[in-house]
Amino acid sequence: MAKMKTLDWIAITLLIVGGINWGLVGLFDFNLVTFLFGKWDMFVKIIYTIVGLSGLYSIYTLSKL
């Protein structure tokens, strides 16, 4: 198995956080990101964008396997 790079670990961590957030939204209608950073709409959008880019990066990484 190939050694994981730092960027791989960051992407996995962000995907886990995103998955937990979506689980909270689905189960309890509670959005953790907006709860923590709701007053800063631009920051919330940046977080969602970074999590989305992590998903795209993970697709790229899986395609190399």
PDB file of N, CA and C in Angstrom:
ATOM      1  N   MET A   1       0.849  -1.185   0.000  1.00  0.00           N
ATOM      2  CA  MET A   1       0.000   0.000   0.000  1.00  0.00           C
ATOM      3  C   MET A   1       0.887   1.237   0.000  1.00  0.00           C
ATOM      4  N   ALA A   2       0.528   2.220  -0.782  1.00  0.00           N
ATOM      5  CA  ALA A   2       1.327   3.439  -0.902  1.00  0.00           C
ATOM      6  C   ALA A   2       1.220   4.274   0.365  1.00  0.00           C
ATOM      7  N   LYS A   3       2.282   4.982   0.667  1.00  0.00           N
ATOM      8  CA  LYS A   3       2.294   5.860   1.823  1.00  0.00           C
ATOM      9  C   LYS A   3       1.410   7.071   1.539  1.00  0.00           C
ATOM     10  N   MET A   4       0.584   7.424   2.515  1.00  0.00           N
ATOM     11  CA  MET A   4      -0.318   8.552   2.335  1.00  0.00           C
ATOM     12  C   MET A   4       0.426   9.869   2.560  1.00  0.00           C
ATOM     13  N   LYS A   5       0.153  10.830   1.706  1.00  0.00           N
ATOM     14  CA  LYS A   5       0.736  12.156   1.813  1.00  0.00           C
ATOM     15  C   LYS A   5      -0.075  12.990   2.810  1.00  0.00           C
ATOM     16  N   THR A   6       0.500  14.084   3.232  1.00  0.00           N
ATOM     17  CA  THR A   6      -0.185  14.984   4.157  1.00  0.00           C
ATOM     18  C   THR A   6      -1.499  15.471   3.566  1.00  0.00           C
ATOM     19  N   LEU A   7      -1.492  15.798   2.285  1.00  0.00           N
ATOM     20  CA  LEU A   7      -2.715  16.267   1.632  1.00  0.00           C
ATOM     21  C   LEU A   7      -3.805  15.196   1.653  1.00  0.00           C
ATOM     22  N   ASP A   8      -3.410  13.926   1.533  1.00  0.00           N
ATOM     23  CA  ASP A   8      -4.374  12.829   1.616  1.00  0.00           C
ATOM     24  C   ASP A   8      -5.037  12.798   2.996  1.00  0.00           C
ATOM     25  N   TRP A   9      -4.233  12.948   4.031  1.00  0.00           N
ATOM     26  CA  TRP A   9      -4.770  12.938   5.400  1.00  0.00           C
ATOM     27  C   TRP A   9      -5.700  14.124   5.641  1.00  0.00           C
ATOM     28  N   ILE A  10      -5.334  15.283   5.135  1.00  0.00           N
ATOM     29  CA  ILE A  10      -6.191  16.465   5.284  1.00  0.00           C
ATOM     30  C   ILE A  10      -7.524  16.238   4.579  1.00  0.00           C
ATOM     31  N   ALA A  11      -7.466  15.696   3.364  1.00  0.00           N
ATOM     32  CA  ALA A  11      -8.690  15.442   2.602  1.00  0.00           C
ATOM     33  C   ALA A  11      -9.582  14.432   3.322  1.00  0.00           C
ATOM     34  N   ILE A  12      -9.004  13.374   3.851  1.00  0.00           N
ATOM     35  CA  ILE A  12      -9.794  12.371   4.571  1.00  0.00           C
ATOM     36  C   ILE A  12     -10.426  12.979   5.814  1.00  0.00           C
ATOM     37  N   THR A  13      -9.658  13.763   6.544  1.00  0.00           N
ATOM     38  CA  THR A  13     -10.184  14.400   7.750  1.00  0.00           C
ATOM     39  C   THR A  13     -11.346  15.323   7.419  1.00  0.00           C
ATOM     40  N   LEU A  14     -11.201  16.125   6.368  1.00  0.00           N
ATOM     41  CA  LEU A  14     -12.284  17.024   5.969  1.00  0.00           C
ATOM     42  C   LEU A  14     -13.509  16.253   5.488  1.00  0.00           C
ATOM     43  N   LEU A  15     -13.302  15.141   4.808  1.00  0.00           N
ATOM     44  CA  LEU A  15     -14.438  14.316   4.382  1.00  0.00           C
ATOM     45  C   LEU A  15     -15.164  13.710   5.569  1.00  0.00           C
ATOM     46  N   ILE A  16     -14.424  13.316   6.593  1.00  0.00           N
ATOM     47  CA  ILE A  16     -15.056  12.779   7.804  1.00  0.00           C
ATOM     48  C   ILE A  16     -15.872  13.864   8.501  1.00  0.00           C
ATOM     49  N   VAL A  17     -15.285  15.043   8.635  1.00  0.00           N
ATOM     50  CA  VAL A  17     -16.009  16.158   9.251  1.00  0.00           C
ATOM     51  C   VAL A  17     -17.266  16.487   8.439  1.00  0.00           C
ATOM     52  N   GLY A  18     -17.125  16.528   7.116  1.00  0.00           N
ATOM     53  CA  GLY A  18     -18.280  16.791   6.263  1.00  0.00           C
ATOM     54  C   GLY A  18     -19.343  15.715   6.387  1.00  0.00           C
ATOM     55  N   GLY A  19     -18.911  14.462   6.466  1.00  0.00           N
ATOM     56  CA  GLY A  19     -19.870  13.366   6.628  1.00  0.00           C
ATOM     57  C   GLY A  19     -20.612  13.438   7.955  1.00  0.00           C
ATOM     58  N   ILE A  20     -19.887  13.767   9.013  1.00  0.00           N
ATOM     59  CA  ILE A  20     -20.534  13.919  10.324  1.00  0.00           C
ATOM     60  C   ILE A  20     -21.526  15.076  10.286  1.00  0.00           C
ATOM     61  N   ASN A  21     -21.132  16.182   9.642  1.00  0.00           N
ATOM     62  CA  ASN A  21     -22.039  17.319   9.543  1.00  0.00           C
ATOM     63  C   ASN A  21     -23.312  16.947   8.784  1.00  0.00           C
ATOM     64  N   TRP A  22     -23.164  16.238   7.653  1.00  0.00           N
ATOM     65  CA  TRP A  22     -24.347  15.817   6.896  1.00  0.00           C
ATOM     66  C   TRP A  22     -25.206  14.848   7.700  1.00  0.00           C
ATOM     67  N   GLY A  23     -24.561  13.982   8.477  1.00  0.00           N
ATOM     68  CA  GLY A  23     -25.321  13.083   9.348  1.00  0.00           C
ATOM     69  C   GLY A  23     -26.129  13.841  10.379  1.00  0.00           C
ATOM     70  N   LEU A  24     -25.530  14.861  10.973  1.00  0.00           N
ATOM     71  CA  LEU A  24     -26.250  15.694  11.941  1.00  0.00           C
ATOM     72  C   LEU A  24     -27.413  16.435  11.291  1.00  0.00           C
ATOM     73  N   VAL A  25     -27.192  16.911  10.066  1.00  0.00           N
ATOM     74  CA  VAL A  25     -28.273  17.601   9.347  1.00  0.00           C
ATOM     75  C   VAL A  25     -29.414  16.630   9.063  1.00  0.00           C
ATOM     76  N   GLY A  26     -29.077  15.434   8.587  1.00  0.00           N
ATOM     77  CA  GLY A  26     -30.100  14.452   8.238  1.00  0.00           C
ATOM     78  C   GLY A  26     -30.868  13.920   9.444  1.00  0.00           C
ATOM     79  N   LEU A  27     -30.161  13.672  10.527  1.00  0.00           N
ATOM     80  CA  LEU A  27     -30.809  13.077  11.701  1.00  0.00           C
ATOM     81  C   LEU A  27     -31.497  14.096  12.602  1.00  0.00           C
ATOM     82  N   PHE A  28     -30.864  15.242  12.790  1.00  0.00           N
ATOM     83  CA  PHE A  28     -31.348  16.181  13.799  1.00  0.00           C
ATOM     84  C   PHE A  28     -31.629  17.579  13.269  1.00  0.00           C
ATOM     85  N   ASP A  29     -31.490  17.769  11.946  1.00  0.00           N
ATOM     86  CA  ASP A  29     -31.649  19.084  11.340  1.00  0.00           C
ATOM     87  C   ASP A  29     -30.756  20.114  12.039  1.00  0.00           C
ATOM     88  N   PHE A  30     -29.533  19.692  12.350  1.00  0.00           N
ATOM     89  CA  PHE A  30     -28.556  20.537  13.040  1.00  0.00           C
ATOM     90  C   PHE A  30     -27.306  20.634  12.191  1.00  0.00           C
ATOM     91  N   ASN A  31     -26.984  21.844  11.751  1.00  0.00           N
ATOM     92  CA  ASN A  31     -25.807  22.069  10.922  1.00  0.00           C
ATOM     93  C   ASN A  31     -24.691  22.613  11.807  1.00  0.00           C
ATOM     94  N   LEU A  32     -23.693  21.786  12.056  1.00  0.00           N
ATOM     95  CA  LEU A  32     -22.600  22.139  12.955  1.00  0.00           C
ATOM     96  C   LEU A  32     -21.779  23.312  12.429  1.00  0.00           C
ATOM     97  N   VAL A  33     -21.560  23.355  11.116  1.00  0.00           N
ATOM     98  CA  VAL A  33     -20.753  24.430  10.541  1.00  0.00           C
ATOM     99  C   VAL A  33     -21.433  25.780  10.736  1.00  0.00           C
ATOM    100  N   THR A  34     -22.713  25.872  10.424  1.00  0.00           N
ATOM    101  CA  THR A  34     -23.407  27.145  10.612  1.00  0.00           C
ATOM    102  C   THR A  34     -23.602  27.455  12.091  1.00  0.00           C
ATOM    103  N   PHE A  35     -23.671  26.434  12.927  1.00  0.00           N
ATOM    104  CA  PHE A  35     -23.752  26.668  14.372  1.00  0.00           C
ATOM    105  C   PHE A  35     -22.469  27.315  14.881  1.00  0.00           C
ATOM    106  N   LEU A  36     -21.319  26.818  14.400  1.00  0.00           N
ATOM    107  CA  LEU A  36     -20.032  27.338  14.866  1.00  0.00           C
ATOM    108  C   LEU A  36     -19.660  28.662  14.206  1.00  0.00           C
ATOM    109  N   PHE A  37     -19.981  28.820  12.919  1.00  0.00           N
ATOM    110  CA  PHE A  37     -19.509  29.980  12.164  1.00  0.00           C
ATOM    111  C   PHE A  37     -20.637  30.728  11.472  1.00  0.00           C
ATOM    112  N   GLY A  38     -21.847  30.618  11.959  1.00  0.00           N
ATOM    113  CA  GLY A  38     -23.019  31.191  11.288  1.00  0.00           C
ATOM    114  C   GLY A  38     -22.966  32.680  11.064  1.00  0.00           C
ATOM    115  N   LYS A  39     -22.283  33.403  11.928  1.00  0.00           N
ATOM    116  CA  LYS A  39     -22.228  34.853  11.788  1.00  0.00           C
ATOM    117  C   LYS A  39     -21.323  35.286  10.642  1.00  0.00           C
ATOM    118  N   TRP A  40     -20.453  34.393  10.200  1.00  0.00           N
ATOM    119  CA  TRP A  40     -19.509  34.700   9.130  1.00  0.00           C
ATOM    120  C   TRP A  40     -19.872  33.871   7.898  1.00  0.00           C
ATOM    121  N   ASP A  41     -20.849  34.368   7.133  1.00  0.00           N
ATOM    122  CA  ASP A  41     -21.350  33.618   5.979  1.00  0.00           C
ATOM    123  C   ASP A  41     -20.253  33.268   4.985  1.00  0.00           C
ATOM    124  N   MET A  42     -19.334  34.171   4.751  1.00  0.00           N
ATOM    125  CA  MET A  42     -18.265  33.906   3.790  1.00  0.00           C
ATOM    126  C   MET A  42     -17.367  32.776   4.282  1.00  0.00           C
ATOM    127  N   PHE A  43     -17.096  32.739   5.581  1.00  0.00           N
ATOM    128  CA  PHE A  43     -16.267  31.679   6.154  1.00  0.00           C
ATOM    129  C   PHE A  43     -16.955  30.324   6.020  1.00  0.00           C
ATOM    130  N   VAL A  44     -18.274  30.295   6.215  1.00  0.00           N
ATOM    131  CA  VAL A  44     -19.044  29.052   6.055  1.00  0.00           C
ATOM    132  C   VAL A  44     -18.935  28.567   4.614  1.00  0.00           C
ATOM    133  N   LYS A  45     -19.047  29.462   3.651  1.00  0.00           N
ATOM    134  CA  LYS A  45     -18.925  29.086   2.238  1.00  0.00           C
ATOM    135  C   LYS A  45     -17.534  28.567   1.931  1.00  0.00           C
ATOM    136  N   ILE A  46     -16.522  29.175   2.533  1.00  0.00           N
ATOM    137  CA  ILE A  46     -15.154  28.717   2.324  1.00  0.00           C
ATOM    138  C   ILE A  46     -14.984  27.306   2.874  1.00  0.00           C
ATOM    139  N   ILE A  47     -15.528  27.033   4.042  1.00  0.00           N
ATOM    140  CA  ILE A  47     -15.435  25.689   4.637  1.00  0.00           C
ATOM    141  C   ILE A  47     -16.097  24.669   3.722  1.00  0.00           C
ATOM    142  N   TYR A  48     -17.311  24.970   3.253  1.00  0.00           N
ATOM    143  CA  TYR A  48     -17.999  24.036   2.364  1.00  0.00           C
ATOM    144  C   TYR A  48     -17.218  23.828   1.064  1.00  0.00           C
ATOM    145  N   THR A  49     -16.619  24.872   0.549  1.00  0.00           N
ATOM    146  CA  THR A  49     -15.828  24.758  -0.677  1.00  0.00           C
ATOM    147  C   THR A  49     -14.617  23.865  -0.459  1.00  0.00           C
ATOM    148  N   ILE A  50     -13.938  24.041   0.660  1.00  0.00           N
ATOM    149  CA  ILE A  50     -12.760  23.225   0.965  1.00  0.00           C
ATOM    150  C   ILE A  50     -13.151  21.759   1.139  1.00  0.00           C
ATOM    151  N   VAL A  51     -14.267  21.503   1.798  1.00  0.00           N
ATOM    152  CA  VAL A  51     -14.730  20.115   1.957  1.00  0.00           C
ATOM    153  C   VAL A  51     -15.084  19.530   0.593  1.00  0.00           C
ATOM    154  N   GLY A  52     -15.730  20.322  -0.271  1.00  0.00           N
ATOM    155  CA  GLY A  52     -16.050  19.850  -1.622  1.00  0.00           C
ATOM    156  C   GLY A  52     -14.804  19.554  -2.441  1.00  0.00           C
ATOM    157  N   LEU A  53     -13.798  20.418  -2.335  1.00  0.00           N
ATOM    158  CA  LEU A  53     -12.541  20.167  -3.031  1.00  0.00           C
ATOM    159  C   LEU A  53     -11.851  18.916  -2.502  1.00  0.00           C
ATOM    160  N   SER A  54     -12.008  18.651  -1.213  1.00  0.00           N
ATOM    161  CA  SER A  54     -11.454  17.416  -0.645  1.00  0.00           C
ATOM    162  C   SER A  54     -12.109  16.191  -1.261  1.00  0.00           C
ATOM    163  N   GLY A  55     -13.412  16.284  -1.506  1.00  0.00           N
ATOM    164  CA  GLY A  55     -14.111  15.182  -2.161  1.00  0.00           C
ATOM    165  C   GLY A  55     -13.597  14.954  -3.572  1.00  0.00           C
ATOM    166  N   LEU A  56     -13.404  16.044  -4.316  1.00  0.00           N
ATOM    167  CA  LEU A  56     -12.868  15.922  -5.678  1.00  0.00           C
ATOM    168  C   LEU A  56     -11.449  15.371  -5.670  1.00  0.00           C
ATOM    169  N   TYR A  57     -10.648  15.819  -4.733  1.00  0.00           N
ATOM    170  CA  TYR A  57      -9.281  15.308  -4.616  1.00  0.00           C
ATOM    171  C   TYR A  57      -9.302  13.814  -4.290  1.00  0.00           C
ATOM    172  N   SER A  58     -10.232  13.407  -3.456  1.00  0.00           N
ATOM    173  CA  SER A  58     -10.325  11.979  -3.097  1.00  0.00           C
ATOM    174  C   SER A  58     -10.750  11.136  -4.295  1.00  0.00           C
ATOM    175  N   ILE A  59     -11.625  11.669  -5.141  1.00  0.00           N
ATOM    176  CA  ILE A  59     -11.981  10.960  -6.372  1.00  0.00           C
ATOM    177  C   ILE A  59     -10.749  10.791  -7.239  1.00  0.00           C
ATOM    178  N   TYR A  60      -9.957  11.855  -7.363  1.00  0.00           N
ATOM    179  CA  TYR A  60      -8.719  11.790  -8.127  1.00  0.00           C
ATOM    180  C   TYR A  60      -7.779  10.750  -7.538  1.00  0.00           C
ATOM    181  N   THR A  61      -7.633  10.752  -6.220  1.00  0.00           N
ATOM    182  CA  THR A  61      -6.738   9.801  -5.558  1.00  0.00           C
ATOM    183  C   THR A  61      -7.206   8.363  -5.768  1.00  0.00           C
ATOM    184  N   LEU A  62      -8.501   8.134  -5.673  1.00  0.00           N
ATOM    185  CA  LEU A  62      -9.027   6.783  -5.893  1.00  0.00           C
ATOM    186  C   LEU A  62      -8.816   6.327  -7.342  1.00  0.00           C
ATOM    187  N   SER A  63      -8.887   7.270  -8.270  1.00  0.00           N
ATOM    188  CA  SER A  63      -8.713   6.884  -9.672  1.00  0.00           C
ATOM    189  C   SER A  63      -7.273   6.426  -9.950  1.00  0.00           C
ATOM    190  N   LYS A  64      -6.319   6.829  -9.117  1.00  0.00           N
ATOM    191  CA  LYS A  64      -4.943   6.418  -9.298  1.00  0.00           C
ATOM    192  C   LYS A  64      -4.682   5.023  -8.759  1.00  0.00           C
ATOM    193  N   LEU A  65      -5.585   4.493  -7.935  1.00  0.00           N
ATOM    194  CA  LEU A  65      -5.362   3.170  -7.328  1.00  0.00           C
ATOM    195  C   LEU A  65      -5.598   2.050  -8.309  1.00  0.00           C
TER     196      LEU A  65
END
